[in-house]
Amino acid sequence: MNYEQKKRILDLFVAGMLIIAFAPFWIIIPLLIFFDSGWPVIFTHKRVGKGGIDFKLFKFRSMVLNADEILHKKNHQLLKQFKKGDWKIAAKDDPRITPLGRFLRAFTIDEFPQLFNVIRGEMSMVGPRAYVRKELEEQSRKYKETKQYIPLILSVKPGITGPWQTSGRNEIPFAKRAAMDADYARNRSLRQDIRILLRTPAAMLSKW
């Protein structure tokens, strides 16, 4: 059995066990989101997957319903801040995130539905970040040294967790994140995947 086959078995096993282990969350969290800010409770966002093919990434919705419109059409200062921060803003500084959403993000609960992306074969438990296409394009223009990394990053499935998520999360700038993702893709192994998975719970709680 080659690495890819072993990794797929690991993905299905870990994702399946987590879906079962967190079964109550699939009822409680949607109800909390509904009573806090209405439907829909699941947010889908187009991301770039293996081979540069787009897919819909699933998350529990942590923002107001018109979050994209606010960012791109109504709040130009927020968009400027967003891009200046390498396509991220601290949750406490983002007015689009609901109070419940801040809690979900703090404990990475909003990302639980990505387990179904793993089951569907669009993502892996471990891999590079699932980037937004426009983010990759704009950031590779801003950080020209990262262009060499993009083909490597897109040669594997994106992951729910990965090397940079367990080494500083959002505090790591894009150029370093891209280098770490490319290095993972170049040297990936089952041993490394298991090591990253074991480090992930501590990284999730690192802010608390």
Protein backbone atom coordinates (compact mmCIF):
# COMPACT_ATOMS: atom_id res chain seq x y z
CA MET A 1 0.00 0.00 0.00
CA ASN A 2 1.48 3.38 -0.99
CA TYR A 3 1.44 6.62 1.00
CA GLU A 4 -1.66 8.05 -0.68
CA GLN A 5 -3.69 4.91 0.07
CA LYS A 6 -2.54 4.83 3.69
CA LYS A 7 -3.27 8.55 4.07
CA ARG A 8 -6.81 8.08 2.71
CA ILE A 9 -7.46 5.30 5.21
CA LEU A 10 -6.12 7.53 8.01
CA ASP A 11 -8.31 10.41 6.81
CA LEU A 12 -11.49 8.31 6.74
CA PHE A 13 -10.74 6.74 10.12
CA VAL A 14 -9.92 10.00 11.94
CA ALA A 15 -12.73 12.02 10.30
CA GLY A 16 -15.26 9.25 10.94
CA MET A 17 -14.25 8.90 14.59
CA LEU A 18 -14.41 12.66 15.15
CA ILE A 19 -17.84 12.93 13.51
CA ILE A 20 -19.10 10.22 15.88
CA ALA A 21 -17.29 11.60 18.95
CA PHE A 22 -18.73 15.08 18.42
CA ALA A 23 -22.22 13.86 17.50
CA PRO A 24 -23.98 16.24 19.96
CA PHE A 25 -22.29 19.21 18.26
CA TRP A 26 -24.16 18.52 15.01
CA ILE A 27 -27.40 19.32 16.86
CA ILE A 28 -26.37 21.83 19.52
CA ILE A 29 -24.19 24.17 17.41
CA PRO A 30 -26.71 24.59 14.53
CA LEU A 31 -29.44 25.37 17.07
CA LEU A 32 -27.22 27.95 18.82
CA ILE A 33 -26.36 29.61 15.50
CA PHE A 34 -30.02 29.65 14.43
CA PHE A 35 -31.21 31.27 17.66
CA ASP A 36 -28.28 33.70 17.60
CA SER A 37 -28.47 34.91 13.97
CA GLY A 38 -30.85 32.72 11.93
CA TRP A 39 -30.31 30.53 8.88
CA PRO A 40 -28.20 29.26 7.23
CA VAL A 41 -26.12 27.63 9.94
CA ILE A 42 -23.58 26.19 7.50
CA PHE A 43 -21.36 28.56 5.53
CA THR A 44 -19.86 27.39 2.24
CA HIS A 45 -16.88 29.09 0.66
CA LYS A 46 -15.06 28.35 -2.59
CA ARG A 47 -11.46 27.27 -2.05
CA VAL A 48 -8.68 25.94 -4.27
CA GLY A 49 -8.06 22.20 -3.92
CA LYS A 50 -5.63 19.65 -5.30
CA GLY A 51 -4.69 20.31 -8.91
CA GLY A 52 -6.05 23.86 -8.69
CA ILE A 53 -9.66 22.60 -8.77
CA ASP A 54 -12.18 24.65 -6.77
CA PHE A 55 -14.38 23.02 -4.16
CA LYS A 56 -16.91 24.17 -1.56
CA LEU A 57 -15.47 24.23 1.94
CA PHE A 58 -17.97 23.77 4.80
CA LYS A 59 -17.95 25.68 8.09
CA PHE A 60 -20.37 26.50 10.87
CA ARG A 61 -21.35 30.11 10.15
CA SER A 62 -19.57 32.46 12.54
CA MET A 63 -20.29 35.76 10.77
CA VAL A 64 -23.34 37.86 9.97
CA LEU A 65 -25.31 36.83 6.90
CA ASN A 66 -23.97 39.53 4.57
CA ALA A 67 -20.33 39.25 5.67
CA ASP A 68 -18.83 39.14 2.14
CA GLU A 69 -20.89 42.12 1.00
CA ILE A 70 -19.78 44.12 4.05
CA LEU A 71 -16.12 43.33 3.36
CA HIS A 72 -16.04 43.89 -0.40
CA LYS A 73 -18.70 46.55 -0.95
CA LYS A 74 -19.66 48.38 2.22
CA ASN A 75 -16.58 48.65 4.42
CA HIS A 76 -13.55 49.64 2.36
CA GLN A 77 -11.49 50.37 5.46
CA LEU A 78 -12.08 46.82 6.70
CA LEU A 79 -11.06 45.40 3.31
CA LYS A 80 -7.89 47.48 3.39
CA GLN A 81 -7.13 46.22 6.90
CA PHE A 82 -7.92 42.66 5.80
CA LYS A 83 -5.45 42.74 2.90
CA LYS A 84 -2.80 44.57 4.91
CA GLY A 85 -2.96 41.75 7.46
CA ASP A 86 -2.22 39.12 4.79
CA TRP A 87 -5.90 38.25 4.29
CA LYS A 88 -6.73 37.89 7.96
CA ILE A 89 -8.03 40.01 10.82
CA ALA A 90 -8.08 39.15 14.51
CA ALA A 91 -11.56 37.99 15.48
CA LYS A 92 -11.83 40.73 18.10
CA ASP A 93 -11.26 43.38 15.40
CA ASP A 94 -13.67 41.97 12.80
CA PRO A 95 -17.16 43.49 13.21
CA ARG A 96 -18.67 40.80 10.95
CA ILE A 97 -18.11 38.02 13.49
CA THR A 98 -21.04 37.35 15.81
CA PRO A 99 -20.50 36.97 19.59
CA LEU A 100 -21.22 33.24 19.25
CA GLY A 101 -18.91 33.13 16.23
CA ARG A 102 -16.01 34.44 18.33
CA PHE A 103 -16.50 31.53 20.72
CA LEU A 104 -16.71 29.02 17.87
CA ARG A 105 -13.54 30.38 16.29
CA ALA A 106 -11.62 30.52 19.56
CA PHE A 107 -12.01 26.76 19.94
CA THR A 108 -11.94 26.02 16.16
CA ILE A 109 -15.47 24.59 16.41
CA ASP A 110 -16.49 26.50 13.28
CA GLU A 111 -14.20 24.22 11.23
CA PHE A 112 -15.81 20.93 12.35
CA PRO A 113 -17.96 20.59 9.17
CA GLN A 114 -14.74 20.31 7.14
CA LEU A 115 -14.68 16.72 8.37
CA PHE A 116 -17.31 16.09 5.69
CA ASN A 117 -14.97 17.64 3.09
CA VAL A 118 -12.48 14.98 4.18
CA ILE A 119 -15.05 12.19 3.83
CA ARG A 120 -15.92 13.50 0.35
CA GLY A 121 -12.24 13.37 -0.64
CA GLU A 122 -11.87 17.13 -1.24
CA MET A 123 -9.63 17.67 1.79
CA SER A 124 -7.32 15.68 4.03
CA MET A 125 -6.99 15.80 7.81
CA VAL A 126 -3.44 17.11 7.29
CA GLY A 127 -2.25 19.30 4.43
CA PRO A 128 -1.63 22.87 3.27
CA ARG A 129 -4.15 25.60 4.01
CA ALA A 130 -7.26 25.59 1.80
CA TYR A 131 -6.58 28.95 0.14
CA VAL A 132 -9.01 31.31 -1.53
CA ARG A 133 -7.98 31.69 -5.19
CA LYS A 134 -7.88 35.49 -5.03
CA GLU A 135 -5.76 35.29 -1.88
CA LEU A 136 -3.18 33.10 -3.63
CA GLU A 137 -3.09 35.41 -6.64
CA GLU A 138 -2.77 38.66 -4.68
CA GLN A 139 -0.37 37.35 -2.07
CA SER A 140 1.95 35.74 -4.63
CA ARG A 141 2.13 39.13 -6.37
CA LYS A 142 2.85 40.86 -3.07
CA TYR A 143 5.39 38.24 -1.98
CA LYS A 144 7.03 37.32 -5.28
CA GLU A 145 9.29 34.72 -3.64
CA THR A 146 6.20 32.60 -2.90
CA LYS A 147 5.32 31.98 -6.58
CA GLN A 148 7.67 29.00 -6.60
CA TYR A 149 5.65 27.41 -3.78
CA ILE A 150 2.18 27.53 -5.37
CA PRO A 151 2.54 24.48 -7.69
CA LEU A 152 3.76 22.38 -4.76
CA ILE A 153 0.96 23.58 -2.48
CA LEU A 154 -1.66 22.71 -5.10
CA SER A 155 -0.15 19.29 -5.78
CA VAL A 156 -1.79 17.84 -2.64
CA LYS A 157 -5.16 18.05 -0.94
CA PRO A 158 -5.58 20.94 1.49
CA GLY A 159 -5.90 19.94 5.13
CA ILE A 160 -8.01 20.80 8.16
CA THR A 161 -4.74 21.08 10.05
CA GLY A 162 -1.16 21.37 8.90
CA PRO A 163 2.39 22.45 9.73
CA TRP A 164 1.72 26.16 10.21
CA GLN A 165 -1.57 25.68 12.07
CA THR A 166 0.38 23.80 14.75
CA SER A 167 3.26 26.30 14.76
CA GLY A 168 1.67 29.64 15.51
CA ARG A 169 -1.65 29.65 13.63
CA ASN A 170 -2.60 33.06 12.17
CA GLU A 171 0.39 34.85 13.65
CA ILE A 172 2.61 33.39 10.90
CA PRO A 173 2.88 35.74 7.85
CA PHE A 174 1.85 34.50 4.39
CA ALA A 175 5.37 34.11 2.99
CA LYS A 176 6.38 31.79 5.84
CA ARG A 177 3.04 29.94 5.70
CA ALA A 178 3.47 29.28 1.98
CA ALA A 179 7.03 28.05 2.51
CA MET A 180 5.88 25.70 5.30
CA ASP A 181 2.98 24.37 3.19
CA ALA A 182 5.31 23.75 0.24
CA ASP A 183 7.84 22.02 2.48
CA TYR A 184 5.06 19.76 3.81
CA ALA A 185 3.96 18.88 0.26
CA ARG A 186 7.55 18.14 -0.76
CA ASN A 187 8.36 15.92 2.24
CA ARG A 188 4.99 14.53 3.28
CA SER A 189 4.90 11.21 5.08
CA LEU A 190 2.48 9.26 7.24
CA ARG A 191 4.73 9.75 10.26
CA GLN A 192 4.64 13.52 9.78
CA ASP A 193 0.85 13.47 9.32
CA ILE A 194 0.37 11.59 12.59
CA ARG A 195 2.76 13.94 14.40
CA ILE A 196 0.81 16.99 13.20
CA LEU A 197 -2.51 15.39 14.17
CA LEU A 198 -1.22 14.72 17.69
CA ARG A 199 -0.05 18.33 18.03
CA THR A 200 -3.32 19.82 16.79
CA PRO A 201 -5.44 19.68 20.00
CA ALA A 202 -2.83 21.67 21.92
CA ALA A 203 -2.62 24.21 19.07
CA MET A 204 -6.42 24.60 19.09
CA LEU A 205 -6.33 25.51 22.79
CA SER A 206 -3.12 27.52 22.64
CA LYS A 207 -4.89 30.86 22.96
CA TRP A 208 -6.51 29.87 26.24
